N, C-alpha and C. Protein backbone atom coordinates (compact mmCIF):
# COMPACT_ATOMS: atom_id res chain seq x y z
N MET A 1 -21.13 16.93 -6.52
CA MET A 1 -20.61 15.60 -6.29
C MET A 1 -19.75 15.33 -5.11
N TYR A 2 -19.05 16.25 -4.56
CA TYR A 2 -18.15 16.09 -3.42
C TYR A 2 -18.41 17.20 -2.51
N ALA A 3 -19.89 17.70 -2.46
CA ALA A 3 -20.13 18.49 -1.58
C ALA A 3 -19.92 18.31 0.07
N GLY A 4 -19.33 19.22 0.67
CA GLY A 4 -19.03 18.89 1.95
C GLY A 4 -17.79 18.10 2.27
N GLU A 5 -17.17 17.77 1.25
CA GLU A 5 -16.02 17.00 1.13
C GLU A 5 -14.65 17.67 0.96
N ASN A 6 -13.61 16.74 0.89
CA ASN A 6 -12.34 17.35 0.63
C ASN A 6 -12.28 17.43 -1.00
N VAL A 7 -12.82 18.28 -1.55
CA VAL A 7 -13.12 18.66 -2.91
C VAL A 7 -11.85 18.54 -3.98
N ARG A 8 -10.86 19.47 -3.34
CA ARG A 8 -9.43 19.43 -4.05
C ARG A 8 -8.92 18.06 -4.53
N GLU A 9 -8.59 17.30 -3.39
CA GLU A 9 -7.94 15.98 -3.62
C GLU A 9 -8.98 15.23 -4.72
N ALA A 10 -10.16 15.14 -4.40
CA ALA A 10 -11.14 14.27 -5.21
C ALA A 10 -11.03 14.78 -6.65
N GLN A 11 -10.90 16.10 -6.76
CA GLN A 11 -10.88 16.47 -8.37
C GLN A 11 -9.53 16.28 -8.84
N VAL A 12 -8.50 16.28 -8.21
CA VAL A 12 -7.17 15.82 -8.65
C VAL A 12 -7.27 14.27 -9.09
N GLY A 13 -7.62 13.52 -8.15
CA GLY A 13 -7.97 12.09 -8.67
C GLY A 13 -8.64 11.75 -9.71
N GLU A 14 -9.81 12.71 -9.71
CA GLU A 14 -10.79 12.40 -10.99
C GLU A 14 -10.01 12.74 -12.37
N VAL A 15 -9.24 13.87 -12.44
CA VAL A 15 -8.38 14.19 -13.60
C VAL A 15 -7.42 13.17 -13.91
N ILE A 16 -6.73 12.59 -12.85
CA ILE A 16 -5.71 11.62 -13.25
C ILE A 16 -6.57 10.26 -13.48
N GLY A 17 -7.69 9.91 -13.22
CA GLY A 17 -8.28 8.95 -13.62
C GLY A 17 -9.00 8.99 -15.02
N GLU A 18 -9.27 10.32 -15.30
CA GLU A 18 -9.86 10.27 -16.72
C GLU A 18 -8.64 10.20 -17.74
N GLU A 19 -7.51 10.65 -17.29
CA GLU A 19 -6.25 10.59 -18.36
C GLU A 19 -5.90 9.22 -18.60
N ALA A 20 -5.88 8.55 -17.38
CA ALA A 20 -5.56 7.02 -17.33
C ALA A 20 -6.60 6.26 -18.26
N LYS A 21 -7.77 6.62 -18.20
CA LYS A 21 -8.71 5.98 -18.97
C LYS A 21 -8.30 6.35 -20.64
N GLU A 22 -8.15 7.42 -20.91
CA GLU A 22 -7.83 7.71 -22.39
C GLU A 22 -6.39 7.05 -22.67
N LEU A 23 -5.57 6.75 -21.80
CA LEU A 23 -4.32 6.06 -22.11
C LEU A 23 -4.42 4.47 -22.12
N GLY A 24 -5.65 4.04 -21.74
CA GLY A 24 -5.84 2.50 -21.61
C GLY A 24 -5.26 1.99 -20.27
N ILE A 25 -4.89 2.69 -19.26
CA ILE A 25 -4.40 2.19 -17.98
C ILE A 25 -5.58 2.02 -17.21
N SER A 26 -5.64 0.87 -16.50
CA SER A 26 -6.88 0.66 -15.75
C SER A 26 -6.54 0.69 -14.04
N LEU A 27 -5.24 0.97 -13.64
CA LEU A 27 -4.89 0.80 -12.21
C LEU A 27 -3.57 1.92 -12.17
N ILE A 28 -3.73 2.75 -11.13
CA ILE A 28 -2.81 3.66 -10.82
C ILE A 28 -2.21 3.25 -9.48
N LEU A 29 -0.83 3.35 -9.58
CA LEU A 29 -0.36 2.85 -8.31
C LEU A 29 -0.19 4.06 -7.31
N ALA A 30 -1.21 4.64 -6.77
CA ALA A 30 -1.37 5.93 -6.12
C ALA A 30 -2.67 5.95 -5.39
N PRO A 31 -3.01 6.68 -4.39
CA PRO A 31 -2.09 7.69 -3.76
C PRO A 31 -0.94 6.93 -2.88
N ALA A 32 0.05 7.55 -2.58
CA ALA A 32 1.15 7.05 -1.58
C ALA A 32 1.00 7.96 -0.29
N LEU A 33 0.98 7.27 0.86
CA LEU A 33 0.73 7.95 2.09
C LEU A 33 1.73 7.32 3.22
N ASN A 34 2.72 7.90 3.52
CA ASN A 34 3.61 7.47 4.71
C ASN A 34 4.11 8.60 5.41
N ILE A 35 3.95 8.54 6.64
CA ILE A 35 4.30 9.49 7.75
C ILE A 35 5.91 9.48 7.57
N HIS A 36 6.67 10.39 7.36
CA HIS A 36 8.08 10.49 7.18
C HIS A 36 8.68 10.62 8.63
N ARG A 37 9.68 9.79 8.86
CA ARG A 37 10.44 9.97 10.15
C ARG A 37 11.48 10.99 9.99
N ASN A 38 11.85 11.17 8.55
CA ASN A 38 12.86 11.96 8.19
C ASN A 38 12.48 12.83 6.97
N PRO A 39 12.67 14.41 6.87
CA PRO A 39 12.10 14.81 5.84
C PRO A 39 12.93 14.81 4.59
N LEU A 40 14.16 14.05 4.72
CA LEU A 40 14.82 13.98 3.55
C LEU A 40 14.50 12.72 2.70
N ASN A 41 13.50 11.94 2.93
CA ASN A 41 13.07 10.65 2.65
C ASN A 41 12.86 10.89 1.09
N GLY A 42 13.40 9.93 0.22
CA GLY A 42 13.47 10.16 -1.21
C GLY A 42 12.17 10.22 -1.82
N ARG A 43 11.10 9.65 -1.15
CA ARG A 43 9.72 9.80 -1.86
C ARG A 43 8.87 10.98 -1.31
N HIS A 44 9.55 12.07 -0.81
CA HIS A 44 8.93 13.02 -0.18
C HIS A 44 7.84 13.69 -1.03
N PRO A 45 8.47 14.00 -2.28
CA PRO A 45 7.35 14.42 -3.27
C PRO A 45 6.05 13.69 -3.42
N GLU A 46 6.12 12.56 -3.45
CA GLU A 46 5.19 11.42 -3.82
C GLU A 46 4.10 11.28 -2.66
N TYR A 47 4.41 11.59 -1.52
CA TYR A 47 3.70 11.06 -0.38
C TYR A 47 2.67 12.18 0.24
N PHE A 48 1.64 11.81 0.59
CA PHE A 48 0.66 12.60 1.49
C PHE A 48 1.40 12.16 2.98
N SER A 49 1.83 13.21 3.50
CA SER A 49 2.73 12.84 4.76
C SER A 49 2.57 13.88 6.07
N GLU A 50 1.55 14.83 6.03
CA GLU A 50 1.38 15.80 6.84
C GLU A 50 1.41 15.14 8.21
N ASP A 51 0.27 14.53 8.51
CA ASP A 51 -0.07 13.86 10.04
C ASP A 51 -0.97 12.92 9.63
N PRO A 52 -1.21 11.73 10.40
CA PRO A 52 -1.96 10.60 10.12
C PRO A 52 -3.47 11.13 9.47
N TYR A 53 -4.07 12.14 10.34
CA TYR A 53 -5.50 12.62 9.86
C TYR A 53 -5.46 13.23 8.60
N LEU A 54 -4.77 14.20 8.39
CA LEU A 54 -4.65 14.93 7.19
C LEU A 54 -4.24 14.04 5.94
N ALA A 55 -3.01 13.20 6.19
CA ALA A 55 -2.84 12.41 5.03
C ALA A 55 -3.79 11.33 4.60
N GLY A 56 -4.45 11.00 5.67
CA GLY A 56 -5.53 9.82 5.26
C GLY A 56 -6.70 10.41 4.75
N GLN A 57 -6.95 11.69 5.04
CA GLN A 57 -8.15 12.44 4.41
C GLN A 57 -7.83 12.73 2.99
N MET A 58 -6.74 13.26 2.65
CA MET A 58 -6.22 13.54 1.37
C MET A 58 -6.12 12.55 0.43
N ALA A 59 -5.39 11.29 1.00
CA ALA A 59 -5.32 10.16 0.11
C ALA A 59 -6.79 9.52 -0.16
N GLY A 60 -7.59 9.61 0.76
CA GLY A 60 -8.83 8.85 0.74
C GLY A 60 -9.85 9.39 -0.19
N TYR A 61 -9.70 11.13 -0.35
CA TYR A 61 -10.47 11.62 -1.17
C TYR A 61 -10.00 11.73 -2.55
N TYR A 62 -8.48 11.74 -2.78
CA TYR A 62 -8.04 11.56 -4.04
C TYR A 62 -8.53 10.18 -4.62
N CYS A 63 -8.23 9.05 -3.86
CA CYS A 63 -8.59 7.76 -4.43
C CYS A 63 -10.17 7.76 -4.69
N ARG A 64 -10.96 8.35 -3.98
CA ARG A 64 -12.27 8.26 -4.31
C ARG A 64 -12.64 9.02 -5.76
N GLY A 65 -11.95 10.16 -5.94
CA GLY A 65 -12.12 10.58 -7.18
C GLY A 65 -11.44 9.93 -8.29
N LEU A 66 -10.40 9.34 -8.01
CA LEU A 66 -9.69 8.53 -9.06
C LEU A 66 -10.72 7.27 -9.45
N GLU A 67 -11.02 6.63 -8.42
CA GLU A 67 -11.95 5.55 -8.53
C GLU A 67 -13.26 5.53 -9.21
N GLY A 68 -13.70 6.95 -8.92
CA GLY A 68 -15.08 7.35 -9.59
C GLY A 68 -14.99 7.41 -11.14
N THR A 69 -13.98 7.22 -11.57
CA THR A 69 -13.70 7.25 -13.11
C THR A 69 -13.51 5.98 -13.54
N ARG A 70 -13.78 5.01 -12.71
CA ARG A 70 -13.68 3.45 -13.01
C ARG A 70 -12.10 3.25 -13.22
N THR A 71 -11.15 3.97 -12.77
CA THR A 71 -9.61 3.71 -12.78
C THR A 71 -9.33 3.22 -11.25
N GLY A 72 -8.78 2.15 -11.22
CA GLY A 72 -8.39 1.67 -9.65
C GLY A 72 -7.24 2.53 -9.24
N GLY A 73 -7.44 2.30 -7.98
CA GLY A 73 -6.23 2.96 -7.11
C GLY A 73 -5.54 2.28 -6.09
N CYS A 74 -4.57 2.57 -5.63
CA CYS A 74 -3.56 1.82 -4.76
C CYS A 74 -3.15 2.57 -3.61
N TYR A 75 -3.53 2.28 -2.37
CA TYR A 75 -2.75 2.86 -1.25
C TYR A 75 -1.36 2.25 -0.87
N LYS A 76 -0.33 3.07 -0.83
CA LYS A 76 1.13 2.47 -0.71
C LYS A 76 1.89 3.53 0.16
N HIS A 77 2.89 3.15 0.58
CA HIS A 77 3.42 1.81 0.88
C HIS A 77 3.15 1.42 2.36
N LEU A 78 2.38 0.37 2.57
CA LEU A 78 1.91 -0.14 3.84
C LEU A 78 3.13 -0.76 4.44
N ILE A 79 3.94 -0.48 5.55
CA ILE A 79 3.95 0.75 6.16
C ILE A 79 5.26 1.04 6.35
N ALA A 80 5.45 2.26 6.98
CA ALA A 80 6.71 2.89 7.54
C ALA A 80 7.90 2.85 6.58
N ASN A 81 7.45 3.20 5.13
CA ASN A 81 8.50 3.22 4.22
C ASN A 81 9.20 4.72 4.36
N ASN A 82 10.54 4.50 5.10
CA ASN A 82 11.05 5.71 5.64
C ASN A 82 12.23 6.21 4.97
N ALA A 83 12.70 5.54 3.97
CA ALA A 83 14.08 5.61 3.25
C ALA A 83 14.05 5.18 1.89
N GLU A 84 14.55 5.82 0.88
CA GLU A 84 14.72 5.53 -0.42
C GLU A 84 15.90 4.53 -0.63
N THR A 85 17.24 5.08 0.03
CA THR A 85 18.27 4.27 0.04
C THR A 85 18.18 2.82 0.69
N SER A 86 18.62 1.95 0.16
CA SER A 86 18.59 0.58 0.63
C SER A 86 17.04 0.15 1.15
N ARG A 87 16.08 0.45 0.35
CA ARG A 87 14.78 0.17 0.86
C ARG A 87 14.48 -1.11 1.23
N LYS A 88 15.12 -1.99 0.29
CA LYS A 88 14.86 -3.51 0.42
C LYS A 88 15.62 -4.09 1.65
N ARG A 89 16.56 -3.37 2.10
CA ARG A 89 17.12 -3.78 3.43
C ARG A 89 16.99 -3.02 4.60
N ASN A 90 16.04 -2.03 4.44
CA ASN A 90 15.86 -0.89 5.62
C ASN A 90 14.74 -1.67 6.58
N GLN A 91 14.95 -1.40 7.77
CA GLN A 91 14.04 -1.76 9.08
C GLN A 91 13.59 -0.63 9.66
N SER A 92 12.27 -0.55 9.98
CA SER A 92 11.76 0.38 10.95
C SER A 92 11.44 -0.16 12.30
N VAL A 93 12.11 0.35 13.31
CA VAL A 93 11.87 -0.24 14.66
C VAL A 93 10.91 0.67 15.24
N ILE A 94 9.48 0.27 15.47
CA ILE A 94 8.49 1.21 15.84
C ILE A 94 7.64 0.35 16.82
N THR A 95 7.23 1.27 17.90
CA THR A 95 6.45 0.51 19.00
C THR A 95 5.11 0.23 18.45
N GLU A 96 4.06 -0.61 18.96
CA GLU A 96 2.64 -0.82 18.57
C GLU A 96 2.02 0.35 18.58
N ARG A 97 2.10 1.04 19.69
CA ARG A 97 1.43 2.05 19.96
C ARG A 97 1.63 3.18 18.70
N ALA A 98 3.07 3.48 18.28
CA ALA A 98 3.22 4.34 17.29
C ALA A 98 2.59 3.99 15.92
N ILE A 99 2.81 2.52 15.78
CA ILE A 99 2.16 2.08 14.47
C ILE A 99 0.68 2.39 14.50
N ARG A 100 0.12 2.10 15.49
CA ARG A 100 -1.45 2.31 15.46
C ARG A 100 -1.90 3.76 15.56
N GLU A 101 -1.01 4.81 16.14
CA GLU A 101 -1.53 5.88 16.31
C GLU A 101 -0.90 6.98 15.14
N ILE A 102 0.11 6.54 14.59
CA ILE A 102 0.66 7.42 13.58
C ILE A 102 0.90 6.71 12.22
N TYR A 103 1.73 5.58 11.92
CA TYR A 103 1.99 4.93 10.82
C TYR A 103 0.93 4.32 10.06
N PHE A 104 0.18 3.41 10.73
CA PHE A 104 -1.13 2.73 10.37
C PHE A 104 -2.04 3.56 10.37
N ARG A 105 -2.10 4.48 11.22
CA ARG A 105 -3.40 5.27 11.37
C ARG A 105 -3.84 5.99 9.95
N ALA A 106 -2.72 6.44 9.35
CA ALA A 106 -2.89 7.22 8.12
C ALA A 106 -3.74 6.40 7.24
N PHE A 107 -3.34 5.23 6.98
CA PHE A 107 -3.95 4.39 6.20
C PHE A 107 -5.41 4.14 6.62
N GLU A 108 -5.67 3.75 8.00
CA GLU A 108 -6.82 3.65 8.54
C GLU A 108 -7.94 5.01 8.09
N TYR A 109 -7.47 6.17 8.47
CA TYR A 109 -8.25 7.10 8.15
C TYR A 109 -8.57 7.10 6.53
N ALA A 110 -7.71 6.95 5.59
CA ALA A 110 -7.80 6.62 4.24
C ALA A 110 -8.94 5.71 3.83
N LEU A 111 -8.82 4.65 4.57
CA LEU A 111 -9.71 3.45 4.27
C LEU A 111 -11.21 3.79 4.83
N GLN A 112 -11.27 4.67 5.64
CA GLN A 112 -12.53 5.13 6.32
C GLN A 112 -13.18 6.04 5.21
N VAL A 113 -12.49 6.89 4.39
CA VAL A 113 -12.90 7.75 3.44
C VAL A 113 -13.37 6.76 2.16
N HIS A 114 -12.44 5.94 1.58
CA HIS A 114 -12.69 5.15 0.48
C HIS A 114 -11.84 4.16 0.71
N GLN A 115 -12.47 2.86 0.26
CA GLN A 115 -11.72 1.42 0.16
C GLN A 115 -11.54 1.26 -1.16
N PRO A 116 -9.99 1.38 -1.64
CA PRO A 116 -9.58 1.39 -3.01
C PRO A 116 -9.54 -0.07 -3.44
N VAL A 117 -9.34 -0.45 -4.68
CA VAL A 117 -9.23 -1.89 -5.13
C VAL A 117 -8.00 -2.46 -4.74
N SER A 118 -7.09 -1.69 -4.30
CA SER A 118 -5.68 -2.31 -3.93
C SER A 118 -4.86 -1.68 -2.87
N VAL A 119 -4.00 -2.23 -2.30
CA VAL A 119 -2.92 -1.86 -1.35
C VAL A 119 -1.63 -2.36 -1.57
N MET A 120 -0.66 -1.59 -1.53
CA MET A 120 0.54 -2.19 -1.72
C MET A 120 1.55 -2.13 -0.66
N THR A 121 2.21 -3.38 -0.44
CA THR A 121 3.09 -3.29 0.98
C THR A 121 4.28 -2.57 0.52
N ALA A 122 5.16 -2.51 1.65
CA ALA A 122 6.53 -1.92 1.36
C ALA A 122 7.68 -2.74 1.36
N TYR A 123 8.73 -2.37 0.71
CA TYR A 123 9.95 -3.22 0.82
C TYR A 123 10.43 -3.45 2.25
N ASN A 124 10.33 -2.57 2.94
CA ASN A 124 11.00 -2.53 4.33
C ASN A 124 10.48 -3.46 5.10
N ALA A 125 11.31 -3.99 6.41
CA ALA A 125 10.69 -4.43 7.44
C ALA A 125 10.34 -3.51 8.60
N VAL A 126 9.51 -4.05 9.27
CA VAL A 126 9.07 -3.39 10.34
C VAL A 126 9.19 -4.31 11.52
N ASN A 127 10.12 -3.95 12.59
CA ASN A 127 10.33 -4.81 13.76
C ASN A 127 10.70 -6.18 13.47
N GLY A 128 11.48 -6.44 12.45
CA GLY A 128 11.92 -7.52 12.04
C GLY A 128 11.18 -8.46 11.07
N ILE A 129 10.16 -8.07 10.67
CA ILE A 129 9.20 -8.62 9.48
C ILE A 129 9.21 -7.91 8.28
N PHE A 130 9.42 -8.61 7.17
CA PHE A 130 9.25 -7.66 5.90
C PHE A 130 7.62 -7.49 5.88
N THR A 131 7.22 -6.14 5.52
CA THR A 131 5.79 -5.98 5.42
C THR A 131 5.04 -6.97 4.66
N SER A 132 5.72 -7.20 3.49
CA SER A 132 5.05 -8.34 2.54
C SER A 132 4.97 -9.73 3.14
N GLU A 133 5.60 -9.96 4.45
CA GLU A 133 5.54 -11.27 4.94
C GLU A 133 4.64 -10.95 6.23
N ASP A 134 3.98 -9.99 6.55
CA ASP A 134 3.44 -9.59 7.92
C ASP A 134 2.03 -9.88 7.78
N SER A 135 1.58 -11.10 8.40
CA SER A 135 0.17 -11.45 8.25
C SER A 135 -0.46 -10.62 9.46
N ASP A 136 0.00 -10.38 10.61
CA ASP A 136 -0.47 -9.53 11.53
C ASP A 136 -0.92 -8.03 10.85
N LEU A 137 -0.14 -7.66 10.12
CA LEU A 137 -0.35 -6.22 9.43
C LEU A 137 -1.50 -6.68 8.19
N ILE A 138 -1.35 -7.59 7.45
CA ILE A 138 -2.14 -7.61 6.34
C ILE A 138 -3.45 -8.14 6.78
N GLN A 139 -3.54 -9.14 7.37
CA GLN A 139 -4.86 -10.08 8.08
C GLN A 139 -5.24 -9.50 8.98
N GLY A 140 -4.45 -8.99 9.99
CA GLY A 140 -4.92 -8.43 11.16
C GLY A 140 -5.45 -7.26 10.98
N LEU A 141 -4.50 -5.95 10.85
CA LEU A 141 -4.85 -4.86 11.10
C LEU A 141 -5.60 -4.41 9.79
N LEU A 142 -5.24 -4.65 8.41
CA LEU A 142 -5.77 -4.28 7.17
C LEU A 142 -7.25 -4.91 6.98
N ARG A 143 -7.19 -6.46 7.00
CA ARG A 143 -8.30 -6.88 6.67
C ARG A 143 -9.39 -7.24 7.82
N GLU A 144 -8.96 -7.67 9.05
CA GLU A 144 -9.85 -7.84 10.16
C GLU A 144 -10.24 -6.52 10.88
N GLU A 145 -9.34 -5.55 11.29
CA GLU A 145 -9.71 -4.54 11.77
C GLU A 145 -10.46 -3.44 10.95
N CYS A 146 -9.83 -3.08 9.68
CA CYS A 146 -10.38 -2.35 8.99
C CYS A 146 -11.44 -2.78 7.92
N GLY A 147 -11.60 -4.08 7.90
CA GLY A 147 -12.72 -4.68 7.09
C GLY A 147 -12.45 -4.44 5.79
N TRP A 148 -11.26 -4.33 5.13
CA TRP A 148 -10.86 -3.95 3.83
C TRP A 148 -10.77 -5.27 2.92
N GLN A 149 -11.28 -5.33 1.67
CA GLN A 149 -11.69 -6.54 0.99
C GLN A 149 -11.06 -6.66 -0.26
N GLY A 150 -10.03 -5.67 -0.66
CA GLY A 150 -9.58 -5.61 -1.93
C GLY A 150 -8.25 -6.72 -2.09
N PHE A 151 -7.40 -6.44 -2.98
CA PHE A 151 -6.16 -7.00 -3.28
C PHE A 151 -4.94 -6.27 -2.75
N VAL A 152 -4.23 -7.21 -2.09
CA VAL A 152 -2.90 -6.73 -1.55
C VAL A 152 -1.67 -7.06 -2.65
N MET A 153 -0.88 -6.21 -3.05
CA MET A 153 0.23 -6.37 -3.97
C MET A 153 1.44 -5.91 -3.13
N THR A 154 2.63 -6.66 -3.64
CA THR A 154 3.97 -6.29 -3.04
C THR A 154 4.63 -5.25 -4.00
N ASP A 155 5.47 -4.62 -3.47
CA ASP A 155 6.14 -3.57 -4.27
C ASP A 155 7.05 -4.23 -5.22
N TRP A 156 7.24 -3.75 -6.26
CA TRP A 156 8.09 -4.40 -7.54
C TRP A 156 9.29 -5.22 -6.98
N ASP A 157 9.31 -6.38 -7.36
CA ASP A 157 10.64 -7.26 -6.98
C ASP A 157 10.75 -7.58 -5.44
N SER A 158 9.89 -7.47 -4.63
CA SER A 158 9.90 -7.60 -3.12
C SER A 158 10.58 -8.97 -2.97
N TYR A 159 10.26 -9.94 -3.88
CA TYR A 159 10.74 -11.29 -3.75
C TYR A 159 12.40 -11.46 -3.77
N SER A 160 13.03 -10.44 -4.11
CA SER A 160 14.65 -10.32 -4.04
C SER A 160 14.99 -10.59 -2.71
N THR A 161 14.11 -10.12 -1.58
CA THR A 161 14.44 -10.20 -0.38
C THR A 161 13.59 -10.79 0.61
N ALA A 162 12.53 -10.59 0.26
CA ALA A 162 11.39 -11.43 1.04
C ALA A 162 10.98 -12.82 0.41
N ASP A 163 10.53 -13.78 1.24
CA ASP A 163 10.23 -15.01 0.83
C ASP A 163 8.75 -15.17 0.11
N VAL A 164 8.72 -15.71 -1.11
CA VAL A 164 7.40 -15.64 -1.70
C VAL A 164 6.37 -16.53 -0.87
N VAL A 165 6.80 -17.71 -0.34
CA VAL A 165 5.69 -18.45 0.40
C VAL A 165 5.14 -17.73 1.46
N LYS A 166 6.23 -17.15 2.26
CA LYS A 166 5.80 -16.17 3.51
C LYS A 166 4.88 -15.10 2.98
N MET A 167 5.03 -14.64 1.88
CA MET A 167 4.21 -13.53 1.21
C MET A 167 2.78 -14.21 1.08
N GLN A 168 2.62 -15.02 0.56
CA GLN A 168 1.33 -15.71 0.05
C GLN A 168 0.54 -15.96 1.46
N LYS A 169 1.50 -16.61 2.43
CA LYS A 169 0.60 -17.09 3.68
C LYS A 169 0.45 -15.78 4.32
N ALA A 170 0.97 -14.68 4.30
CA ALA A 170 0.86 -13.36 4.97
C ALA A 170 -0.57 -12.74 4.40
N GLY A 171 -0.87 -13.19 3.12
CA GLY A 171 -2.14 -12.43 2.49
C GLY A 171 -2.01 -11.66 1.39
N ASN A 172 -0.83 -11.83 0.78
CA ASN A 172 -0.68 -11.19 -0.43
C ASN A 172 -1.32 -11.72 -1.45
N THR A 173 -2.03 -11.08 -2.30
CA THR A 173 -2.77 -11.74 -3.50
C THR A 173 -2.12 -11.45 -4.89
N TRP A 174 -1.18 -10.63 -4.85
CA TRP A 174 -0.40 -10.37 -6.15
C TRP A 174 1.22 -10.06 -5.80
N ILE A 175 2.06 -10.97 -6.32
CA ILE A 175 3.32 -10.78 -6.07
C ILE A 175 3.95 -9.97 -7.57
N THR A 176 4.45 -8.86 -7.45
CA THR A 176 4.63 -8.12 -8.47
C THR A 176 6.24 -8.16 -8.82
N PRO A 177 6.62 -8.04 -9.92
CA PRO A 177 5.78 -8.06 -11.35
C PRO A 177 5.72 -9.37 -11.68
N GLY A 178 5.99 -10.44 -11.05
CA GLY A 178 5.92 -11.70 -11.58
C GLY A 178 6.94 -12.23 -12.67
N SER A 179 6.90 -13.20 -13.33
CA SER A 179 7.98 -13.67 -14.17
C SER A 179 7.38 -14.32 -15.29
N MET A 180 8.09 -14.40 -16.33
CA MET A 180 7.73 -15.23 -17.59
C MET A 180 8.04 -16.55 -17.40
N ASP A 181 8.54 -17.13 -16.39
CA ASP A 181 8.54 -18.69 -16.03
C ASP A 181 8.00 -18.89 -14.72
N ASP A 182 8.24 -20.20 -14.30
CA ASP A 182 7.81 -20.42 -12.93
C ASP A 182 8.71 -20.30 -11.90
N THR A 183 9.63 -19.41 -11.80
CA THR A 183 10.68 -19.09 -10.81
C THR A 183 10.01 -19.11 -9.57
N TYR A 184 8.95 -18.05 -9.38
CA TYR A 184 8.44 -17.87 -8.09
C TYR A 184 7.07 -18.67 -7.83
N ASN A 185 6.38 -18.95 -8.68
CA ASN A 185 5.17 -19.66 -8.45
C ASN A 185 5.49 -21.04 -8.09
N ARG A 186 6.44 -21.71 -8.57
CA ARG A 186 6.95 -22.99 -8.37
C ARG A 186 7.10 -23.15 -6.89
N ARG A 187 7.69 -22.20 -6.28
CA ARG A 187 7.84 -22.44 -4.90
C ARG A 187 6.64 -22.31 -3.91
N ILE A 188 5.84 -21.72 -4.60
CA ILE A 188 4.29 -21.62 -3.90
C ILE A 188 3.64 -22.90 -4.08
N VAL A 189 3.69 -23.18 -5.35
CA VAL A 189 3.06 -24.54 -5.50
C VAL A 189 3.79 -25.93 -4.79
N GLU A 190 5.07 -25.73 -4.61
CA GLU A 190 5.86 -26.90 -3.89
C GLU A 190 5.47 -26.59 -2.27
N ALA A 191 5.19 -25.46 -1.78
CA ALA A 191 4.83 -25.26 -0.27
C ALA A 191 3.27 -25.77 -0.30
N VAL A 192 2.67 -25.58 -0.96
CA VAL A 192 1.29 -26.19 -0.93
C VAL A 192 1.06 -27.57 -0.88
N LYS A 193 1.90 -28.37 -1.89
CA LYS A 193 2.06 -29.86 -1.84
C LYS A 193 2.71 -30.43 -0.67
N LYS A 194 3.47 -29.51 0.09
CA LYS A 194 4.08 -30.07 1.39
C LYS A 194 3.26 -29.77 2.65
N GLY A 195 1.99 -29.07 2.24
CA GLY A 195 1.08 -28.66 3.30
C GLY A 195 1.36 -27.64 3.91
């Protein structure tokens, strides 16, 4: 099934997907791939983070195995999630070249191996814009340049720091986790009515 490919990661994803199916879980919020700027990052055990090529290959094959079981996968956290402390207020200042050659490149390699059902944005800002509000990142790099067609979700409770209307305009299709009332969608409806 995985001849000539990165078999181990595909098999790991497949095992996790089979277990998820047995538990009635249809979407796994993984694999996570972020290149760490600091090895003390709080998510270090969770991320494929070796270098853009290796991280992308490992995440791509893991997700291919996972989704081969008909369990959805999610590449996260798009992009440059470099700290666990103050994640919602953190900002990564990165040149466009470094974004393209290092931080987004890992996601690009993963997307070349396997296009998952979803991608999750990060809490942090990159160069002054929250990733969930960044249309150049979501619509430009992810959708136009990589041809990705799945759904984009925010990280849980991103709306406590980012604006829900800006998130929708940027291309998010699922603002997580939502609410039992119209606290967040009312603002989107009002923005649509205002044009």
